[in-house]
Amino acid sequence: MSYQPSYRPGTGTSSLAVVSLVFGILAWCVLPFVGAIVAIICGHLARSEIRRSPSDARIEGDGMAVAGLVLGYVQLLLCVLAVFVLIAALIFGFAFSNWH
């Protein structure tokens, strides 16, 4: 009787999850708005890719995708709040500029 080892393909990590995490970190360091948008888009695509993968060849990286999503959404929220604060400062600055 000959013994043949069964071949089971190794599980890989989703490249979109890695891109989401990298751009989520870059959103805090270098690319505030653009990095957040890329992290959010790639994070959602990675999570759907991971969910759709077959059970015998599962793709890993859900944690990285979630981390990229969290970093991206928080950075995007802070960018939007900063824009609102800037607009409010401009409006109140012009409104009170002639006030003595």
N, C-alpha and C. Protein backbone atom coordinates (compact mmCIF):
# COMPACT_ATOMS: atom_id res chain seq x y z
N MET A 1 0.84 -1.16 0.00
CA MET A 1 0.00 0.00 0.00
C MET A 1 0.90 1.24 0.00
N SER A 2 0.67 2.10 -0.95
CA SER A 2 1.48 3.31 -1.05
C SER A 2 0.77 4.46 -0.34
N TYR A 3 1.57 5.24 0.28
CA TYR A 3 1.03 6.37 1.02
C TYR A 3 1.28 7.64 0.24
N GLN A 4 0.22 8.34 -0.09
CA GLN A 4 0.35 9.63 -0.76
C GLN A 4 -0.19 10.71 0.17
N PRO A 5 0.66 11.65 0.49
CA PRO A 5 0.17 12.71 1.37
C PRO A 5 -0.86 13.57 0.65
N SER A 6 -1.88 13.92 1.37
CA SER A 6 -2.90 14.76 0.75
C SER A 6 -2.36 16.19 0.64
N TYR A 7 -2.67 16.79 -0.47
CA TYR A 7 -2.22 18.16 -0.70
C TYR A 7 -3.33 19.11 -0.34
N ARG A 8 -3.04 19.95 0.56
CA ARG A 8 -4.01 20.98 0.95
C ARG A 8 -3.36 22.32 0.68
N PRO A 9 -3.96 23.11 -0.22
CA PRO A 9 -3.35 24.40 -0.53
C PRO A 9 -3.36 25.30 0.71
N GLY A 10 -2.28 26.01 0.89
CA GLY A 10 -2.17 26.91 2.03
C GLY A 10 -3.13 28.08 1.89
N THR A 11 -3.59 28.53 3.01
CA THR A 11 -4.47 29.68 2.97
C THR A 11 -3.65 30.93 2.81
N GLY A 12 -4.15 31.82 2.03
CA GLY A 12 -3.44 33.07 1.79
C GLY A 12 -4.11 34.23 2.48
N THR A 13 -3.41 35.32 2.50
CA THR A 13 -3.95 36.55 3.08
C THR A 13 -4.46 37.42 1.94
N SER A 14 -5.58 38.03 2.14
CA SER A 14 -6.17 38.89 1.14
C SER A 14 -5.28 40.12 0.93
N SER A 15 -4.92 40.35 -0.33
CA SER A 15 -4.07 41.51 -0.62
C SER A 15 -4.84 42.81 -0.41
N LEU A 16 -6.15 42.78 -0.61
CA LEU A 16 -6.96 43.98 -0.35
C LEU A 16 -6.97 44.33 1.14
N ALA A 17 -6.92 43.32 2.00
CA ALA A 17 -6.87 43.59 3.43
C ALA A 17 -5.56 44.25 3.81
N VAL A 18 -4.47 43.80 3.20
CA VAL A 18 -3.18 44.42 3.47
C VAL A 18 -3.17 45.86 2.97
N VAL A 19 -3.71 46.09 1.77
CA VAL A 19 -3.77 47.45 1.22
C VAL A 19 -4.63 48.34 2.11
N SER A 20 -5.73 47.82 2.62
CA SER A 20 -6.60 48.59 3.50
C SER A 20 -5.86 49.00 4.77
N LEU A 21 -5.14 48.08 5.36
CA LEU A 21 -4.40 48.39 6.59
C LEU A 21 -3.29 49.40 6.33
N VAL A 22 -2.56 49.22 5.24
CA VAL A 22 -1.46 50.13 4.91
C VAL A 22 -1.99 51.54 4.67
N PHE A 23 -3.06 51.67 3.90
CA PHE A 23 -3.60 52.99 3.63
C PHE A 23 -4.31 53.58 4.86
N GLY A 24 -4.82 52.73 5.74
CA GLY A 24 -5.37 53.23 6.99
C GLY A 24 -4.28 53.86 7.86
N ILE A 25 -3.10 53.26 7.86
CA ILE A 25 -1.97 53.83 8.59
C ILE A 25 -1.46 55.08 7.88
N LEU A 26 -1.38 55.03 6.56
CA LEU A 26 -0.93 56.21 5.80
C LEU A 26 -1.90 57.38 5.95
N ALA A 27 -3.16 57.09 6.17
CA ALA A 27 -4.14 58.16 6.35
C ALA A 27 -3.82 58.98 7.59
N TRP A 28 -3.22 58.36 8.58
CA TRP A 28 -2.87 59.08 9.81
C TRP A 28 -1.52 59.76 9.71
N CYS A 29 -0.68 59.32 8.78
CA CYS A 29 0.69 59.85 8.71
C CYS A 29 0.90 60.80 7.54
N VAL A 30 0.46 60.43 6.35
CA VAL A 30 0.84 61.16 5.15
C VAL A 30 -0.36 61.64 4.33
N LEU A 31 -1.33 60.78 4.10
CA LEU A 31 -2.43 61.07 3.19
C LEU A 31 -3.76 61.12 3.94
N PRO A 32 -4.08 62.24 4.57
CA PRO A 32 -5.25 62.24 5.45
C PRO A 32 -6.57 61.86 4.80
N PHE A 33 -6.97 62.50 3.74
CA PHE A 33 -8.30 62.23 3.17
C PHE A 33 -8.26 61.09 2.17
N VAL A 34 -7.30 61.12 1.27
CA VAL A 34 -7.22 60.11 0.21
C VAL A 34 -6.92 58.73 0.79
N GLY A 35 -6.03 58.67 1.75
CA GLY A 35 -5.71 57.39 2.38
C GLY A 35 -6.90 56.78 3.09
N ALA A 36 -7.72 57.63 3.70
CA ALA A 36 -8.91 57.13 4.39
C ALA A 36 -9.92 56.55 3.40
N ILE A 37 -10.10 57.22 2.27
CA ILE A 37 -11.04 56.72 1.26
C ILE A 37 -10.56 55.38 0.70
N VAL A 38 -9.28 55.28 0.40
CA VAL A 38 -8.74 54.02 -0.14
C VAL A 38 -8.84 52.91 0.90
N ALA A 39 -8.56 53.22 2.16
CA ALA A 39 -8.65 52.22 3.22
C ALA A 39 -10.07 51.71 3.39
N ILE A 40 -11.04 52.59 3.30
CA ILE A 40 -12.44 52.19 3.46
C ILE A 40 -12.89 51.32 2.29
N ILE A 41 -12.58 51.74 1.08
CA ILE A 41 -13.01 50.97 -0.10
C ILE A 41 -12.35 49.59 -0.11
N CYS A 42 -11.04 49.55 0.08
CA CYS A 42 -10.33 48.26 0.07
C CYS A 42 -10.74 47.38 1.24
N GLY A 43 -11.05 47.98 2.38
CA GLY A 43 -11.49 47.19 3.53
C GLY A 43 -12.81 46.49 3.29
N HIS A 44 -13.76 47.21 2.69
CA HIS A 44 -15.04 46.58 2.38
C HIS A 44 -14.89 45.51 1.29
N LEU A 45 -14.08 45.79 0.28
CA LEU A 45 -13.85 44.78 -0.76
C LEU A 45 -13.15 43.54 -0.20
N ALA A 46 -12.21 43.74 0.70
CA ALA A 46 -11.50 42.61 1.30
C ALA A 46 -12.43 41.76 2.16
N ARG A 47 -13.27 42.41 2.94
CA ARG A 47 -14.19 41.63 3.77
C ARG A 47 -15.17 40.82 2.94
N SER A 48 -15.65 41.40 1.82
CA SER A 48 -16.55 40.62 0.97
C SER A 48 -15.81 39.49 0.28
N GLU A 49 -14.56 39.73 -0.11
CA GLU A 49 -13.75 38.66 -0.72
C GLU A 49 -13.51 37.52 0.27
N ILE A 50 -13.24 37.87 1.52
CA ILE A 50 -12.99 36.85 2.55
C ILE A 50 -14.26 36.06 2.83
N ARG A 51 -15.40 36.74 2.90
CA ARG A 51 -16.66 36.04 3.14
C ARG A 51 -17.05 35.12 2.00
N ARG A 52 -16.74 35.51 0.76
CA ARG A 52 -17.10 34.70 -0.40
C ARG A 52 -16.14 33.55 -0.67
N SER A 53 -15.01 33.51 -0.01
CA SER A 53 -14.03 32.45 -0.28
C SER A 53 -14.58 31.10 0.18
N PRO A 54 -14.26 30.04 -0.56
CA PRO A 54 -14.76 28.70 -0.19
C PRO A 54 -14.16 28.24 1.13
N SER A 55 -14.90 27.39 1.82
CA SER A 55 -14.48 26.96 3.16
C SER A 55 -13.23 26.08 3.14
N ASP A 56 -12.96 25.39 2.04
CA ASP A 56 -11.77 24.54 2.00
C ASP A 56 -10.50 25.33 1.71
N ALA A 57 -10.61 26.50 1.11
CA ALA A 57 -9.45 27.35 0.85
C ALA A 57 -9.76 28.75 1.38
N ARG A 58 -9.84 28.85 2.68
CA ARG A 58 -10.24 30.10 3.32
C ARG A 58 -9.16 31.16 3.18
N ILE A 59 -9.58 32.37 2.86
CA ILE A 59 -8.66 33.50 2.77
C ILE A 59 -8.65 34.19 4.12
N GLU A 60 -7.47 34.55 4.59
CA GLU A 60 -7.33 35.21 5.88
C GLU A 60 -7.15 36.71 5.69
N GLY A 61 -7.21 37.44 6.77
CA GLY A 61 -6.97 38.87 6.73
C GLY A 61 -8.15 39.70 7.15
N ASP A 62 -9.16 39.10 7.76
CA ASP A 62 -10.33 39.86 8.17
C ASP A 62 -9.98 40.90 9.23
N GLY A 63 -9.08 40.56 10.12
CA GLY A 63 -8.68 41.50 11.16
C GLY A 63 -7.96 42.72 10.58
N MET A 64 -7.13 42.49 9.57
CA MET A 64 -6.45 43.61 8.93
C MET A 64 -7.44 44.50 8.19
N ALA A 65 -8.44 43.88 7.57
CA ALA A 65 -9.45 44.65 6.85
C ALA A 65 -10.27 45.49 7.83
N VAL A 66 -10.63 44.92 8.96
CA VAL A 66 -11.39 45.66 9.96
C VAL A 66 -10.55 46.80 10.54
N ALA A 67 -9.27 46.55 10.79
CA ALA A 67 -8.39 47.60 11.30
C ALA A 67 -8.26 48.74 10.28
N GLY A 68 -8.13 48.40 9.00
CA GLY A 68 -8.08 49.43 7.97
C GLY A 68 -9.37 50.21 7.88
N LEU A 69 -10.50 49.53 8.04
CA LEU A 69 -11.80 50.22 8.04
C LEU A 69 -11.92 51.18 9.21
N VAL A 70 -11.53 50.75 10.39
CA VAL A 70 -11.64 51.60 11.57
C VAL A 70 -10.73 52.81 11.42
N LEU A 71 -9.49 52.60 11.02
CA LEU A 71 -8.57 53.72 10.83
C LEU A 71 -9.09 54.69 9.76
N GLY A 72 -9.62 54.14 8.69
CA GLY A 72 -10.12 54.98 7.61
C GLY A 72 -11.34 55.78 8.01
N TYR A 73 -12.31 55.12 8.67
CA TYR A 73 -13.53 55.83 9.06
C TYR A 73 -13.25 56.90 10.11
N VAL A 74 -12.39 56.62 11.07
CA VAL A 74 -12.08 57.62 12.10
C VAL A 74 -11.36 58.81 11.47
N GLN A 75 -10.42 58.55 10.58
CA GLN A 75 -9.71 59.64 9.91
C GLN A 75 -10.66 60.45 9.04
N LEU A 76 -11.56 59.80 8.33
CA LEU A 76 -12.53 60.50 7.50
C LEU A 76 -13.46 61.37 8.35
N LEU A 77 -13.88 60.84 9.49
CA LEU A 77 -14.72 61.61 10.40
C LEU A 77 -13.97 62.85 10.90
N LEU A 78 -12.72 62.69 11.26
CA LEU A 78 -11.94 63.84 11.72
C LEU A 78 -11.73 64.87 10.61
N CYS A 79 -11.54 64.42 9.38
CA CYS A 79 -11.39 65.36 8.26
C CYS A 79 -12.68 66.15 8.04
N VAL A 80 -13.81 65.49 8.11
CA VAL A 80 -15.10 66.17 7.92
C VAL A 80 -15.33 67.17 9.06
N LEU A 81 -15.03 66.76 10.29
CA LEU A 81 -15.19 67.68 11.42
C LEU A 81 -14.26 68.88 11.29
N ALA A 82 -13.04 68.67 10.81
CA ALA A 82 -12.10 69.78 10.62
C ALA A 82 -12.61 70.76 9.57
N VAL A 83 -13.24 70.25 8.53
CA VAL A 83 -13.80 71.14 7.50
C VAL A 83 -14.95 71.95 8.08
N PHE A 84 -15.81 71.33 8.89
CA PHE A 84 -16.91 72.06 9.51
C PHE A 84 -16.40 73.14 10.48
N VAL A 85 -15.37 72.81 11.24
CA VAL A 85 -14.80 73.80 12.16
C VAL A 85 -14.17 74.95 11.39
N LEU A 86 -13.50 74.66 10.30
CA LEU A 86 -12.89 75.70 9.48
C LEU A 86 -13.96 76.62 8.87
N ILE A 87 -15.04 76.02 8.36
CA ILE A 87 -16.13 76.82 7.79
C ILE A 87 -16.78 77.67 8.88
N ALA A 88 -17.01 77.10 10.05
CA ALA A 88 -17.61 77.86 11.15
C ALA A 88 -16.70 78.99 11.59
N ALA A 89 -15.41 78.75 11.65
CA ALA A 89 -14.47 79.81 12.04
C ALA A 89 -14.46 80.93 11.02
N LEU A 90 -14.54 80.58 9.74
CA LEU A 90 -14.58 81.62 8.71
C LEU A 90 -15.87 82.43 8.79
N ILE A 91 -16.99 81.74 8.98
CA ILE A 91 -18.28 82.44 9.04
C ILE A 91 -18.33 83.36 10.26
N PHE A 92 -17.96 82.83 11.45
CA PHE A 92 -17.99 83.66 12.65
C PHE A 92 -16.91 84.73 12.62
N GLY A 93 -15.80 84.46 11.99
CA GLY A 93 -14.73 85.45 11.88
C GLY A 93 -15.16 86.64 11.05
N PHE A 94 -15.83 86.38 9.92
CA PHE A 94 -16.32 87.48 9.10
C PHE A 94 -17.51 88.17 9.74
N ALA A 95 -18.33 87.44 10.46
CA ALA A 95 -19.50 88.03 11.09
C ALA A 95 -19.10 88.98 12.22
N PHE A 96 -18.04 88.66 12.97
CA PHE A 96 -17.62 89.47 14.10
C PHE A 96 -16.43 90.38 13.78
N SER A 97 -16.07 90.47 12.51
CA SER A 97 -14.89 91.29 12.18
C SER A 97 -15.16 92.77 12.37
N ASN A 98 -16.38 93.25 12.18
CA ASN A 98 -16.72 94.65 12.36
C ASN A 98 -17.40 94.94 13.69
N TRP A 99 -17.46 93.94 14.54
CA TRP A 99 -18.11 94.08 15.82
C TRP A 99 -17.12 94.67 16.83
N HIS A 100 -17.50 95.71 17.51
CA HIS A 100 -16.58 96.35 18.45
C HIS A 100 -17.07 96.17 19.84
